[in-house]
Amino acid sequence: MRMAGWLMYRGHKLLRIEDNRLQPGYQMFIFGDSDRLRNDMSEYVPDKGAEGIRRPQRG
């Protein structure tokens, strides 16, 4: 649910919510597939929420 909220914050439109048939008690948040959505999903860091954008490490 946190990722879904973060994606909506980033401007993605939530299409619908469905019950997860493989994991009862959980829900699936359905968004339209796009390269931008996949990129934003790859940048999401669960522990940080909306602030959680992966930053390049300095070495």
N, C-alpha and C. Protein backbone atom coordinates (compact mmCIF):
# COMPACT_ATOMS: atom_id res chain seq x y z
N MET A 1 0.82 -1.19 0.00
CA MET A 1 0.00 0.00 0.00
C MET A 1 0.87 1.27 0.00
N ARG A 2 2.00 1.20 0.66
CA ARG A 2 2.88 2.38 0.69
C ARG A 2 3.40 2.69 -0.70
N MET A 3 3.78 1.65 -1.45
CA MET A 3 4.27 1.90 -2.80
C MET A 3 3.17 2.48 -3.66
N ALA A 4 1.95 2.00 -3.52
CA ALA A 4 0.83 2.53 -4.31
C ALA A 4 0.63 4.02 -4.02
N GLY A 5 0.67 4.38 -2.76
CA GLY A 5 0.53 5.79 -2.39
C GLY A 5 1.66 6.63 -2.95
N TRP A 6 2.88 6.09 -2.89
CA TRP A 6 4.04 6.79 -3.41
C TRP A 6 3.93 6.98 -4.92
N LEU A 7 3.45 5.94 -5.62
CA LEU A 7 3.29 6.04 -7.07
C LEU A 7 2.23 7.09 -7.43
N MET A 8 1.15 7.14 -6.66
CA MET A 8 0.13 8.16 -6.92
C MET A 8 0.70 9.55 -6.64
N TYR A 9 1.50 9.68 -5.60
CA TYR A 9 2.18 10.94 -5.29
C TYR A 9 3.06 11.37 -6.46
N ARG A 10 3.65 10.40 -7.16
CA ARG A 10 4.50 10.67 -8.31
C ARG A 10 3.71 10.91 -9.59
N GLY A 11 2.36 10.86 -9.51
CA GLY A 11 1.53 11.21 -10.65
C GLY A 11 0.92 10.05 -11.41
N HIS A 12 1.12 8.82 -10.94
CA HIS A 12 0.54 7.67 -11.62
C HIS A 12 -0.91 7.49 -11.18
N LYS A 13 -1.76 7.09 -12.12
CA LYS A 13 -3.18 6.93 -11.84
C LYS A 13 -3.49 5.49 -11.43
N LEU A 14 -4.09 5.34 -10.26
CA LEU A 14 -4.54 4.03 -9.79
C LEU A 14 -5.79 3.66 -10.57
N LEU A 15 -5.75 2.52 -11.25
CA LEU A 15 -6.89 2.10 -12.07
C LEU A 15 -7.95 1.37 -11.25
N ARG A 16 -7.49 0.47 -10.38
CA ARG A 16 -8.44 -0.27 -9.53
C ARG A 16 -7.68 -1.02 -8.45
N ILE A 17 -8.42 -1.51 -7.48
CA ILE A 17 -7.89 -2.34 -6.41
C ILE A 17 -8.62 -3.67 -6.46
N GLU A 18 -7.88 -4.77 -6.40
CA GLU A 18 -8.48 -6.10 -6.45
C GLU A 18 -7.99 -6.92 -5.25
N ASP A 19 -8.82 -7.88 -4.82
CA ASP A 19 -8.37 -8.82 -3.80
C ASP A 19 -7.33 -9.74 -4.40
N ASN A 20 -6.31 -10.05 -3.63
CA ASN A 20 -5.26 -10.95 -4.08
C ASN A 20 -5.72 -12.39 -3.85
N ARG A 21 -5.95 -13.12 -4.93
CA ARG A 21 -6.44 -14.50 -4.81
C ARG A 21 -5.36 -15.45 -4.31
N LEU A 22 -4.09 -15.12 -4.52
CA LEU A 22 -3.01 -15.99 -4.08
C LEU A 22 -2.64 -15.77 -2.61
N GLN A 23 -2.92 -14.57 -2.12
CA GLN A 23 -2.63 -14.25 -0.71
C GLN A 23 -3.89 -13.61 -0.11
N PRO A 24 -4.82 -14.42 0.36
CA PRO A 24 -6.05 -13.88 0.95
C PRO A 24 -5.73 -12.88 2.07
N GLY A 25 -6.52 -11.83 2.14
CA GLY A 25 -6.29 -10.79 3.14
C GLY A 25 -5.44 -9.64 2.62
N TYR A 26 -4.89 -9.80 1.42
CA TYR A 26 -4.09 -8.75 0.79
C TYR A 26 -4.80 -8.24 -0.45
N GLN A 27 -4.41 -7.05 -0.88
CA GLN A 27 -5.00 -6.46 -2.08
C GLN A 27 -3.91 -6.14 -3.09
N MET A 28 -4.32 -6.07 -4.36
CA MET A 28 -3.42 -5.67 -5.43
C MET A 28 -3.86 -4.30 -5.94
N PHE A 29 -2.91 -3.42 -6.14
CA PHE A 29 -3.18 -2.08 -6.63
C PHE A 29 -2.76 -2.05 -8.10
N ILE A 30 -3.71 -1.79 -8.99
CA ILE A 30 -3.49 -1.90 -10.42
C ILE A 30 -3.27 -0.52 -11.04
N PHE A 31 -2.12 -0.37 -11.70
CA PHE A 31 -1.76 0.84 -12.42
C PHE A 31 -1.57 0.48 -13.89
N GLY A 32 -1.71 1.46 -14.78
CA GLY A 32 -1.40 1.26 -16.19
C GLY A 32 0.10 1.08 -16.37
N ASP A 33 0.50 0.06 -17.12
CA ASP A 33 1.91 -0.23 -17.31
C ASP A 33 2.56 0.81 -18.22
N SER A 34 3.73 1.27 -17.83
CA SER A 34 4.51 2.20 -18.66
C SER A 34 5.97 2.12 -18.22
N ASP A 35 6.86 2.60 -19.09
CA ASP A 35 8.27 2.65 -18.73
C ASP A 35 8.49 3.55 -17.51
N ARG A 36 7.77 4.65 -17.44
CA ARG A 36 7.91 5.58 -16.32
C ARG A 36 7.48 4.92 -15.01
N LEU A 37 6.38 4.15 -15.06
CA LEU A 37 5.92 3.44 -13.86
C LEU A 37 6.99 2.46 -13.40
N ARG A 38 7.51 1.68 -14.32
CA ARG A 38 8.54 0.69 -13.96
C ARG A 38 9.79 1.37 -13.41
N ASN A 39 10.16 2.50 -13.97
CA ASN A 39 11.30 3.24 -13.46
C ASN A 39 11.04 3.74 -12.04
N ASP A 40 9.87 4.31 -11.81
CA ASP A 40 9.54 4.80 -10.47
C ASP A 40 9.50 3.65 -9.47
N MET A 41 8.97 2.50 -9.88
CA MET A 41 8.93 1.33 -8.99
C MET A 41 10.35 0.89 -8.62
N SER A 42 11.27 0.98 -9.57
CA SER A 42 12.66 0.57 -9.29
C SER A 42 13.36 1.56 -8.36
N GLU A 43 12.88 2.80 -8.29
CA GLU A 43 13.49 3.80 -7.42
C GLU A 43 12.91 3.81 -6.01
N TYR A 44 11.80 3.11 -5.82
CA TYR A 44 11.13 3.10 -4.51
C TYR A 44 11.97 2.34 -3.48
N VAL A 45 12.13 2.94 -2.31
CA VAL A 45 12.82 2.30 -1.19
C VAL A 45 11.79 2.17 -0.07
N PRO A 46 11.37 0.94 0.25
CA PRO A 46 10.27 0.73 1.20
C PRO A 46 10.41 1.43 2.55
N ASP A 47 11.61 1.47 3.12
CA ASP A 47 11.77 2.05 4.45
C ASP A 47 11.66 3.56 4.46
N LYS A 48 11.74 4.19 3.31
CA LYS A 48 11.77 5.64 3.26
C LYS A 48 10.46 6.26 2.76
N GLY A 49 9.56 5.48 2.14
CA GLY A 49 8.31 6.02 1.65
C GLY A 49 8.53 7.07 0.57
N ALA A 50 7.80 8.18 0.66
CA ALA A 50 7.85 9.21 -0.37
C ALA A 50 9.23 9.86 -0.47
N GLU A 51 10.01 9.77 0.57
CA GLU A 51 11.36 10.32 0.54
C GLU A 51 12.35 9.31 -0.02
N GLY A 52 11.87 8.10 -0.32
CA GLY A 52 12.78 7.00 -0.63
C GLY A 52 13.18 6.88 -2.09
N ILE A 53 13.96 7.77 -2.56
CA ILE A 53 14.50 7.65 -3.89
C ILE A 53 15.95 7.23 -3.76
N ARG A 54 16.29 6.17 -4.44
CA ARG A 54 17.68 5.68 -4.35
C ARG A 54 18.62 6.71 -4.94
N ARG A 55 19.65 6.96 -4.22
CA ARG A 55 20.66 7.93 -4.64
C ARG A 55 21.94 7.16 -4.98
N PRO A 56 22.70 7.62 -5.95
CA PRO A 56 23.98 6.97 -6.24
C PRO A 56 24.90 7.03 -5.01
N GLN A 57 25.57 5.92 -4.75
CA GLN A 57 26.50 5.90 -3.63
C GLN A 57 27.81 6.55 -4.02
N ARG A 58 28.35 7.28 -3.09
CA ARG A 58 29.65 7.92 -3.34
C ARG A 58 30.72 7.00 -2.79
N GLY A 59 31.78 6.89 -3.53
CA GLY A 59 32.75 5.92 -3.09
C GLY A 59 34.10 6.36 -3.07
